[in-house]
Amino acid sequence: MINLLPEEEKKELVIRKKKTIILILGIELFVFIISLTLILLSINIYISSQVESQEVFLFQEEKRFQESEEKSFQEKLDFFNREILYLKFFYEKNKTSFNEILTKVSSALPRDVFLTSLNVDSSQISLSGFASNRESLIEIKNNLEKDENFEQVEISPASWLNPEEFFIKITIKK
């Protein structure tokens, strides 16, 4: 197409075209900046809401953890209290002390009987040792049976086999 317009009008058309292009680009830039601002604002709101929800979740978990920790501590405390009560009951039930048992057993021993071990538990006492003759075995059995704290005194059958130097094993029920 041939342009027959005068030179001034041609320049004016070119300037008007440039202004229109600049105006369109300016509007597009303005819309882009507003869109970008809105997008960043929505991202900010989303992140803030996520942070707030995580803070609430963290608070709830901390509270739950503290409650479970307190519950665990309370359970341990209850367990130890029961154990202490059990031990108190056990020691009150078995008031005979080890020293008393040791004193009674040693007073029942003849001079020629020697102990090598003494085991005491809640229901029985086990003695092991050596005796020089059978009379000493009979004497220790009789002496232990005289004590009202000892209910059943048993000398193992193997203790009677040797004619000299008897290995003795005695079980006493309390």
N, C-alpha and C. Protein backbone atom coordinates (compact mmCIF):
# COMPACT_ATOMS: atom_id res chain seq x y z
N MET A 1 0.80 -1.18 0.00
CA MET A 1 0.00 0.00 0.00
C MET A 1 0.85 1.25 0.00
N ILE A 2 0.38 2.13 -0.71
CA ILE A 2 1.12 3.37 -0.86
C ILE A 2 0.48 4.40 0.06
N ASN A 3 1.33 5.06 0.78
CA ASN A 3 0.86 6.08 1.70
C ASN A 3 1.00 7.44 1.03
N LEU A 4 -0.11 8.13 0.82
CA LEU A 4 -0.10 9.40 0.12
C LEU A 4 -0.26 10.57 1.09
N LEU A 5 -0.15 10.32 2.31
CA LEU A 5 -0.29 11.37 3.32
C LEU A 5 0.96 12.23 3.35
N PRO A 6 0.74 13.49 3.76
CA PRO A 6 1.92 14.33 3.87
C PRO A 6 2.86 13.80 4.95
N GLU A 7 4.05 14.27 4.89
CA GLU A 7 5.12 13.81 5.76
C GLU A 7 4.79 14.10 7.23
N GLU A 8 4.21 15.17 7.60
CA GLU A 8 3.88 15.49 8.97
C GLU A 8 2.85 14.52 9.51
N GLU A 9 1.87 14.22 8.73
CA GLU A 9 0.84 13.31 9.20
C GLU A 9 1.42 11.90 9.33
N LYS A 10 2.36 11.59 8.47
CA LYS A 10 3.01 10.27 8.59
C LYS A 10 3.76 10.20 9.91
N LYS A 11 4.45 11.26 10.28
CA LYS A 11 5.21 11.28 11.53
C LYS A 11 4.24 11.22 12.71
N GLU A 12 3.11 11.95 12.56
CA GLU A 12 2.13 11.96 13.62
C GLU A 12 1.52 10.57 13.79
N LEU A 13 1.29 9.87 12.71
CA LEU A 13 0.77 8.50 12.79
C LEU A 13 1.78 7.57 13.46
N VAL A 14 3.01 7.73 13.12
CA VAL A 14 4.05 6.89 13.72
C VAL A 14 4.14 7.19 15.23
N ILE A 15 4.06 8.48 15.60
CA ILE A 15 4.13 8.85 17.02
C ILE A 15 2.90 8.29 17.74
N ARG A 16 1.71 8.43 17.09
CA ARG A 16 0.50 7.92 17.71
C ARG A 16 0.60 6.41 17.87
N LYS A 17 1.17 5.70 16.91
CA LYS A 17 1.36 4.26 17.00
C LYS A 17 2.30 3.91 18.16
N LYS A 18 3.37 4.68 18.27
CA LYS A 18 4.34 4.44 19.35
C LYS A 18 3.68 4.70 20.70
N LYS A 19 2.88 5.78 20.79
CA LYS A 19 2.21 6.09 22.05
C LYS A 19 1.22 4.97 22.41
N THR A 20 0.51 4.47 21.41
CA THR A 20 -0.45 3.38 21.64
C THR A 20 0.30 2.14 22.13
N ILE A 21 1.40 1.84 21.51
CA ILE A 21 2.21 0.68 21.93
C ILE A 21 2.73 0.88 23.35
N ILE A 22 3.21 2.10 23.64
CA ILE A 22 3.73 2.40 24.99
C ILE A 22 2.59 2.31 25.99
N LEU A 23 1.42 2.86 25.63
CA LEU A 23 0.27 2.80 26.52
C LEU A 23 -0.15 1.36 26.77
N ILE A 24 -0.19 0.53 25.74
CA ILE A 24 -0.56 -0.89 25.90
C ILE A 24 0.47 -1.61 26.75
N LEU A 25 1.75 -1.36 26.48
CA LEU A 25 2.81 -1.99 27.29
C LEU A 25 2.75 -1.52 28.74
N GLY A 26 2.43 -0.25 28.96
CA GLY A 26 2.31 0.27 30.33
C GLY A 26 1.16 -0.39 31.07
N ILE A 27 0.03 -0.53 30.36
CA ILE A 27 -1.13 -1.19 30.98
C ILE A 27 -0.80 -2.65 31.29
N GLU A 28 -0.14 -3.31 30.34
CA GLU A 28 0.25 -4.72 30.57
C GLU A 28 1.21 -4.83 31.75
N LEU A 29 2.16 -3.90 31.83
CA LEU A 29 3.12 -3.91 32.95
C LEU A 29 2.39 -3.66 34.26
N PHE A 30 1.46 -2.74 34.28
CA PHE A 30 0.68 -2.43 35.47
C PHE A 30 -0.15 -3.65 35.90
N VAL A 31 -0.81 -4.29 34.96
CA VAL A 31 -1.60 -5.50 35.26
C VAL A 31 -0.67 -6.60 35.77
N PHE A 32 0.51 -6.75 35.16
CA PHE A 32 1.48 -7.76 35.61
C PHE A 32 1.91 -7.49 37.04
N ILE A 33 2.23 -6.23 37.39
CA ILE A 33 2.67 -5.88 38.74
C ILE A 33 1.54 -6.14 39.74
N ILE A 34 0.32 -5.76 39.39
CA ILE A 34 -0.81 -6.00 40.29
C ILE A 34 -1.02 -7.50 40.47
N SER A 35 -0.94 -8.28 39.39
CA SER A 35 -1.11 -9.74 39.47
C SER A 35 -0.01 -10.35 40.34
N LEU A 36 1.22 -9.92 40.14
CA LEU A 36 2.34 -10.43 40.92
C LEU A 36 2.15 -10.09 42.40
N THR A 37 1.70 -8.86 42.69
CA THR A 37 1.45 -8.46 44.07
C THR A 37 0.36 -9.34 44.70
N LEU A 38 -0.71 -9.59 43.98
CA LEU A 38 -1.79 -10.43 44.50
C LEU A 38 -1.32 -11.88 44.72
N ILE A 39 -0.52 -12.37 43.79
CA ILE A 39 0.01 -13.73 43.95
C ILE A 39 0.90 -13.81 45.19
N LEU A 40 1.80 -12.86 45.38
CA LEU A 40 2.68 -12.86 46.55
C LEU A 40 1.88 -12.68 47.84
N LEU A 41 0.84 -11.86 47.80
CA LEU A 41 -0.01 -11.69 48.97
C LEU A 41 -0.73 -13.00 49.32
N SER A 42 -1.24 -13.70 48.33
CA SER A 42 -1.92 -14.98 48.60
C SER A 42 -0.92 -16.02 49.13
N ILE A 43 0.30 -16.03 48.61
CA ILE A 43 1.34 -16.94 49.13
C ILE A 43 1.65 -16.60 50.58
N ASN A 44 1.74 -15.31 50.89
CA ASN A 44 2.00 -14.87 52.26
C ASN A 44 0.88 -15.32 53.19
N ILE A 45 -0.36 -15.16 52.78
CA ILE A 45 -1.51 -15.58 53.59
C ILE A 45 -1.49 -17.09 53.79
N TYR A 46 -1.19 -17.86 52.74
CA TYR A 46 -1.15 -19.31 52.83
C TYR A 46 -0.06 -19.76 53.80
N ILE A 47 1.12 -19.18 53.67
CA ILE A 47 2.24 -19.56 54.55
C ILE A 47 1.92 -19.18 55.99
N SER A 48 1.33 -18.02 56.20
CA SER A 48 0.96 -17.61 57.57
C SER A 48 -0.04 -18.57 58.18
N SER A 49 -1.03 -18.98 57.39
CA SER A 49 -2.02 -19.92 57.92
C SER A 49 -1.38 -21.27 58.22
N GLN A 50 -0.45 -21.72 57.39
CA GLN A 50 0.24 -22.99 57.64
C GLN A 50 1.10 -22.90 58.90
N VAL A 51 1.79 -21.78 59.08
CA VAL A 51 2.62 -21.60 60.28
C VAL A 51 1.73 -21.60 61.52
N GLU A 52 0.61 -20.92 61.45
CA GLU A 52 -0.30 -20.87 62.58
C GLU A 52 -0.87 -22.25 62.90
N SER A 53 -1.25 -23.01 61.88
CA SER A 53 -1.78 -24.35 62.13
C SER A 53 -0.70 -25.27 62.70
N GLN A 54 0.54 -25.10 62.25
CA GLN A 54 1.64 -25.91 62.80
C GLN A 54 1.92 -25.52 64.25
N GLU A 55 1.80 -24.24 64.57
CA GLU A 55 1.97 -23.82 65.96
C GLU A 55 0.89 -24.43 66.85
N VAL A 56 -0.35 -24.45 66.38
CA VAL A 56 -1.43 -25.07 67.14
C VAL A 56 -1.16 -26.57 67.30
N PHE A 57 -0.74 -27.22 66.23
CA PHE A 57 -0.42 -28.64 66.29
C PHE A 57 0.73 -28.90 67.26
N LEU A 58 1.76 -28.07 67.22
CA LEU A 58 2.89 -28.21 68.12
C LEU A 58 2.45 -28.04 69.58
N PHE A 59 1.61 -27.07 69.82
CA PHE A 59 1.10 -26.84 71.17
C PHE A 59 0.34 -28.06 71.67
N GLN A 60 -0.51 -28.62 70.82
CA GLN A 60 -1.29 -29.81 71.21
C GLN A 60 -0.38 -31.00 71.47
N GLU A 61 0.62 -31.18 70.62
CA GLU A 61 1.56 -32.31 70.81
C GLU A 61 2.37 -32.13 72.08
N GLU A 62 2.81 -30.90 72.36
CA GLU A 62 3.55 -30.66 73.61
C GLU A 62 2.68 -30.97 74.81
N LYS A 63 1.43 -30.55 74.75
CA LYS A 63 0.50 -30.81 75.85
C LYS A 63 0.29 -32.32 76.02
N ARG A 64 0.10 -33.02 74.90
CA ARG A 64 -0.10 -34.47 74.96
C ARG A 64 1.15 -35.16 75.49
N PHE A 65 2.32 -34.70 75.07
CA PHE A 65 3.57 -35.29 75.55
C PHE A 65 3.73 -35.07 77.05
N GLN A 66 3.42 -33.86 77.51
CA GLN A 66 3.53 -33.58 78.94
C GLN A 66 2.56 -34.46 79.73
N GLU A 67 1.35 -34.63 79.21
CA GLU A 67 0.38 -35.48 79.90
C GLU A 67 0.84 -36.93 79.93
N SER A 68 1.39 -37.40 78.81
CA SER A 68 1.87 -38.79 78.80
C SER A 68 3.08 -38.95 79.70
N GLU A 69 3.94 -37.93 79.74
CA GLU A 69 5.11 -37.99 80.61
C GLU A 69 4.67 -37.98 82.08
N GLU A 70 3.69 -37.15 82.40
CA GLU A 70 3.16 -37.13 83.77
C GLU A 70 2.50 -38.47 84.10
N LYS A 71 1.78 -39.03 83.15
CA LYS A 71 1.12 -40.32 83.37
C LYS A 71 2.17 -41.41 83.59
N SER A 72 3.22 -41.38 82.77
CA SER A 72 4.30 -42.37 82.91
C SER A 72 4.97 -42.22 84.28
N PHE A 73 5.24 -40.99 84.67
CA PHE A 73 5.86 -40.75 85.97
C PHE A 73 4.94 -41.24 87.09
N GLN A 74 3.64 -40.97 86.96
CA GLN A 74 2.68 -41.40 87.97
C GLN A 74 2.62 -42.93 88.05
N GLU A 75 2.68 -43.60 86.89
CA GLU A 75 2.68 -45.06 86.89
C GLU A 75 3.92 -45.61 87.57
N LYS A 76 5.07 -45.00 87.28
CA LYS A 76 6.31 -45.44 87.94
C LYS A 76 6.22 -45.22 89.44
N LEU A 77 5.70 -44.08 89.82
CA LEU A 77 5.56 -43.76 91.24
C LEU A 77 4.63 -44.76 91.92
N ASP A 78 3.51 -45.08 91.29
CA ASP A 78 2.59 -46.08 91.84
C ASP A 78 3.27 -47.45 91.96
N PHE A 79 4.04 -47.82 90.93
CA PHE A 79 4.75 -49.11 90.96
C PHE A 79 5.71 -49.16 92.15
N PHE A 80 6.51 -48.10 92.32
CA PHE A 80 7.48 -48.10 93.41
C PHE A 80 6.78 -48.06 94.78
N ASN A 81 5.67 -47.37 94.86
CA ASN A 81 4.92 -47.37 96.12
C ASN A 81 4.41 -48.76 96.45
N ARG A 82 3.91 -49.49 95.43
CA ARG A 82 3.47 -50.86 95.66
C ARG A 82 4.63 -51.74 96.09
N GLU A 83 5.78 -51.56 95.45
CA GLU A 83 6.96 -52.37 95.81
C GLU A 83 7.40 -52.08 97.24
N ILE A 84 7.37 -50.83 97.62
CA ILE A 84 7.75 -50.48 98.99
C ILE A 84 6.78 -51.09 99.99
N LEU A 85 5.49 -51.03 99.68
CA LEU A 85 4.50 -51.65 100.56
C LEU A 85 4.70 -53.16 100.65
N TYR A 86 5.02 -53.77 99.50
CA TYR A 86 5.28 -55.21 99.50
C TYR A 86 6.50 -55.53 100.37
N LEU A 87 7.57 -54.77 100.20
CA LEU A 87 8.77 -55.00 101.00
C LEU A 87 8.51 -54.77 102.49
N LYS A 88 7.74 -53.74 102.79
CA LYS A 88 7.39 -53.47 104.19
C LYS A 88 6.60 -54.64 104.77
N PHE A 89 5.62 -55.12 104.01
CA PHE A 89 4.83 -56.27 104.46
C PHE A 89 5.72 -57.49 104.64
N PHE A 90 6.62 -57.72 103.67
CA PHE A 90 7.52 -58.88 103.74
C PHE A 90 8.38 -58.81 104.99
N TYR A 91 8.98 -57.66 105.28
CA TYR A 91 9.87 -57.56 106.44
C TYR A 91 9.10 -57.59 107.75
N GLU A 92 7.87 -57.07 107.73
CA GLU A 92 7.08 -57.17 108.95
C GLU A 92 6.63 -58.61 109.19
N LYS A 93 6.34 -59.33 108.11
CA LYS A 93 5.93 -60.73 108.22
C LYS A 93 7.08 -61.59 108.73
N ASN A 94 8.26 -61.35 108.22
CA ASN A 94 9.45 -62.12 108.61
C ASN A 94 10.29 -61.28 109.56
N LYS A 95 9.80 -61.11 110.75
CA LYS A 95 10.50 -60.24 111.69
C LYS A 95 11.79 -60.86 112.22
N THR A 96 11.95 -62.13 112.05
CA THR A 96 13.17 -62.78 112.51
C THR A 96 14.32 -62.29 111.65
N SER A 97 15.26 -61.64 112.27
CA SER A 97 16.37 -61.08 111.50
C SER A 97 17.44 -62.15 111.26
N PHE A 98 18.30 -61.85 110.33
CA PHE A 98 19.39 -62.76 110.01
C PHE A 98 20.29 -62.97 111.23
N ASN A 99 20.51 -61.91 112.00
CA ASN A 99 21.36 -62.03 113.19
C ASN A 99 20.75 -62.98 114.22
N GLU A 100 19.42 -62.90 114.37
CA GLU A 100 18.76 -63.81 115.31
C GLU A 100 18.90 -65.27 114.84
N ILE A 101 18.70 -65.49 113.56
CA ILE A 101 18.82 -66.85 113.02
C ILE A 101 20.24 -67.36 113.20
N LEU A 102 21.21 -66.52 112.88
CA LEU A 102 22.62 -66.91 113.01
C LEU A 102 22.96 -67.22 114.47
N THR A 103 22.45 -66.45 115.38
CA THR A 103 22.70 -66.68 116.81
C THR A 103 22.08 -68.01 117.25
N LYS A 104 20.85 -68.26 116.83
CA LYS A 104 20.17 -69.50 117.23
C LYS A 104 20.85 -70.72 116.64
N VAL A 105 21.25 -70.63 115.37
CA VAL A 105 21.92 -71.77 114.73
C VAL A 105 23.28 -72.02 115.37
N SER A 106 24.05 -70.96 115.62
CA SER A 106 25.38 -71.16 116.20
C SER A 106 25.30 -71.68 117.63
N SER A 107 24.26 -71.30 118.38
CA SER A 107 24.13 -71.84 119.74
C SER A 107 23.70 -73.31 119.73
N ALA A 108 23.08 -73.76 118.64
CA ALA A 108 22.64 -75.15 118.54
C ALA A 108 23.77 -76.07 118.07
N LEU A 109 24.87 -75.51 117.57
CA LEU A 109 25.96 -76.34 117.04
C LEU A 109 26.85 -76.89 118.16
N PRO A 110 27.12 -78.18 118.14
CA PRO A 110 28.12 -78.74 119.07
C PRO A 110 29.53 -78.25 118.68
N ARG A 111 30.48 -78.47 119.56
CA ARG A 111 31.84 -77.95 119.33
C ARG A 111 32.54 -78.59 118.12
N ASP A 112 32.19 -79.81 117.81
CA ASP A 112 32.90 -80.49 116.72
C ASP A 112 32.15 -80.41 115.39
N VAL A 113 31.24 -79.48 115.23
CA VAL A 113 30.53 -79.27 113.97
C VAL A 113 30.95 -77.92 113.42
N PHE A 114 31.33 -77.93 112.13
CA PHE A 114 31.79 -76.70 111.47
C PHE A 114 30.93 -76.43 110.23
N LEU A 115 30.42 -75.21 110.12
CA LEU A 115 29.59 -74.85 108.96
C LEU A 115 30.44 -74.29 107.84
N THR A 116 30.08 -74.66 106.63
CA THR A 116 30.75 -74.09 105.45
C THR A 116 29.83 -73.13 104.69
N SER A 117 28.52 -73.31 104.86
CA SER A 117 27.60 -72.37 104.22
C SER A 117 26.30 -72.29 105.00
N LEU A 118 25.67 -71.13 104.89
CA LEU A 118 24.39 -70.88 105.53
C LEU A 118 23.57 -70.04 104.56
N ASN A 119 22.43 -70.59 104.11
CA ASN A 119 21.55 -69.87 103.19
C ASN A 119 20.21 -69.66 103.88
N VAL A 120 19.73 -68.41 103.86
CA VAL A 120 18.46 -68.09 104.50
C VAL A 120 17.57 -67.45 103.43
N ASP A 121 16.37 -68.00 103.29
CA ASP A 121 15.36 -67.33 102.46
C ASP A 121 14.07 -67.23 103.27
N SER A 122 12.99 -66.85 102.65
CA SER A 122 11.77 -66.54 103.40
C SER A 122 11.15 -67.76 104.08
N SER A 123 11.36 -68.97 103.54
CA SER A 123 10.66 -70.13 104.11
C SER A 123 11.58 -71.19 104.70
N GLN A 124 12.87 -71.14 104.39
CA GLN A 124 13.74 -72.19 104.93
C GLN A 124 15.16 -71.69 105.11
N ILE A 125 15.91 -72.48 105.87
CA ILE A 125 17.34 -72.23 106.13
C ILE A 125 18.07 -73.50 105.72
N SER A 126 19.16 -73.35 104.96
CA SER A 126 19.97 -74.51 104.55
C SER A 126 21.36 -74.34 105.14
N LEU A 127 21.83 -75.41 105.79
CA LEU A 127 23.16 -75.43 106.40
C LEU A 127 23.99 -76.51 105.73
N SER A 128 25.27 -76.24 105.55
CA SER A 128 26.21 -77.26 105.07
C SER A 128 27.46 -77.16 105.93
N GLY A 129 28.11 -78.31 106.13
CA GLY A 129 29.32 -78.28 106.93
C GLY A 129 29.85 -79.68 107.20
N PHE A 130 30.67 -79.80 108.27
CA PHE A 130 31.29 -81.07 108.62
C PHE A 130 31.09 -81.35 110.10
N ALA A 131 30.88 -82.64 110.39
CA ALA A 131 30.78 -83.09 111.79
C ALA A 131 31.74 -84.26 111.97
N SER A 132 32.26 -84.42 113.18
CA SER A 132 33.25 -85.48 113.40
C SER A 132 32.62 -86.84 113.71
N ASN A 133 31.37 -86.88 114.19
CA ASN A 133 30.73 -88.16 114.49
C ASN A 133 29.21 -88.05 114.39
N ARG A 134 28.55 -89.23 114.51
CA ARG A 134 27.09 -89.27 114.37
C ARG A 134 26.39 -88.64 115.55
N GLU A 135 26.97 -88.72 116.71
CA GLU A 135 26.36 -88.14 117.90
C GLU A 135 26.21 -86.62 117.73
N SER A 136 27.16 -86.01 117.06
CA SER A 136 27.08 -84.57 116.82
C SER A 136 25.92 -84.25 115.89
N LEU A 137 25.69 -85.13 114.90
CA LEU A 137 24.55 -84.94 114.00
C LEU A 137 23.24 -85.00 114.78
N ILE A 138 23.13 -85.99 115.63
CA ILE A 138 21.90 -86.15 116.42
C ILE A 138 21.72 -84.97 117.37
N GLU A 139 22.81 -84.52 117.96
CA GLU A 139 22.75 -83.40 118.89
C GLU A 139 22.31 -82.10 118.20
N ILE A 140 22.88 -81.82 117.03
CA ILE A 140 22.48 -80.60 116.33
C ILE A 140 21.01 -80.67 115.90
N LYS A 141 20.56 -81.85 115.48
CA LYS A 141 19.15 -82.01 115.08
C LYS A 141 18.24 -81.76 116.29
N ASN A 142 18.58 -82.34 117.43
CA ASN A 142 17.76 -82.16 118.63
C ASN A 142 17.76 -80.70 119.10
N ASN A 143 18.92 -80.07 119.07
CA ASN A 143 19.02 -78.67 119.51
C ASN A 143 18.18 -77.75 118.61
N LEU A 144 18.21 -77.98 117.32
CA LEU A 144 17.44 -77.14 116.40
C LEU A 144 15.94 -77.39 116.54
N GLU A 145 15.54 -78.64 116.80
CA GLU A 145 14.12 -78.94 116.95
C GLU A 145 13.55 -78.36 118.23
N LYS A 146 14.38 -78.11 119.24
CA LYS A 146 13.91 -77.51 120.50
C LYS A 146 13.45 -76.06 120.30
N ASP A 147 14.02 -75.39 119.32
CA ASP A 147 13.67 -73.98 119.08
C ASP A 147 12.30 -73.88 118.40
N GLU A 148 11.40 -73.07 118.96
CA GLU A 148 10.03 -72.97 118.42
C GLU A 148 9.98 -72.24 117.07
N ASN A 149 11.02 -71.54 116.70
CA ASN A 149 11.03 -70.84 115.40
C ASN A 149 11.31 -71.79 114.24
N PHE A 150 11.86 -72.95 114.52
CA PHE A 150 12.19 -73.91 113.48
C PHE A 150 11.17 -75.04 113.53
N GLU A 151 10.44 -75.23 112.43
CA GLU A 151 9.35 -76.21 112.42
C GLU A 151 9.80 -77.61 112.03
N GLN A 152 10.62 -77.71 111.01
CA GLN A 152 10.96 -79.02 110.48
C GLN A 152 12.45 -79.05 110.20
N VAL A 153 13.18 -79.90 110.92
CA VAL A 153 14.63 -80.01 110.76
C VAL A 153 14.91 -81.34 110.07
N GLU A 154 15.53 -81.28 108.89
CA GLU A 154 15.82 -82.49 108.13
C GLU A 154 17.31 -82.55 107.82
N ILE A 155 17.91 -83.69 108.14
CA ILE A 155 19.32 -83.93 107.78
C ILE A 155 19.30 -84.87 106.58
N SER A 156 20.05 -84.53 105.56
CA SER A 156 20.02 -85.33 104.34
C SER A 156 20.55 -86.74 104.62
N PRO A 157 19.99 -87.76 103.94
CA PRO A 157 20.43 -89.15 104.16
C PRO A 157 21.91 -89.36 103.85
N ALA A 158 22.46 -88.60 102.94
CA ALA A 158 23.87 -88.75 102.60
C ALA A 158 24.77 -88.39 103.77
N SER A 159 24.26 -87.60 104.70
CA SER A 159 25.07 -87.18 105.85
C SER A 159 25.36 -88.34 106.80
N TRP A 160 24.58 -89.41 106.75
CA TRP A 160 24.74 -90.52 107.69
C TRP A 160 25.64 -91.63 107.16
N LEU A 161 26.13 -91.56 105.93
CA LEU A 161 26.83 -92.67 105.30
C LEU A 161 28.24 -92.92 105.83
N ASN A 162 29.06 -91.90 105.97
CA ASN A 162 30.46 -92.10 106.39
C ASN A 162 30.54 -92.35 107.90
N PRO A 163 31.43 -93.25 108.31
CA PRO A 163 31.59 -93.49 109.75
C PRO A 163 32.36 -92.37 110.45
N GLU A 164 33.16 -91.62 109.71
CA GLU A 164 33.95 -90.51 110.27
C GLU A 164 33.84 -89.31 109.33
N GLU A 165 34.08 -88.13 109.87
CA GLU A 165 34.07 -86.90 109.07
C GLU A 165 32.83 -86.82 108.20
N PHE A 166 31.72 -86.55 108.80
CA PHE A 166 30.43 -86.49 108.11
C PHE A 166 30.27 -85.14 107.43
N PHE A 167 29.90 -85.20 106.16
CA PHE A 167 29.49 -83.98 105.47
C PHE A 167 28.01 -83.81 105.76
N ILE A 168 27.65 -82.70 106.34
CA ILE A 168 26.24 -82.54 106.72
C ILE A 168 25.54 -81.52 105.82
N LYS A 169 24.28 -81.83 105.58
CA LYS A 169 23.42 -80.89 104.87
C LYS A 169 22.08 -80.93 105.59
N ILE A 170 21.71 -79.76 106.15
CA ILE A 170 20.51 -79.67 106.97
C ILE A 170 19.59 -78.61 106.36
N THR A 171 18.31 -78.96 106.28
CA THR A 171 17.29 -78.00 105.81
C THR A 171 16.32 -77.78 106.95
N ILE A 172 16.07 -76.52 107.25
CA ILE A 172 15.18 -76.17 108.35
C ILE A 172 14.05 -75.30 107.78
N LYS A 173 12.81 -75.70 108.03
CA LYS A 173 11.66 -74.89 107.63
C LYS A 173 11.33 -73.93 108.76
N LYS A 174 11.04 -72.70 108.38
CA LYS A 174 10.70 -71.71 109.42
C LYS A 174 9.20 -71.67 109.62
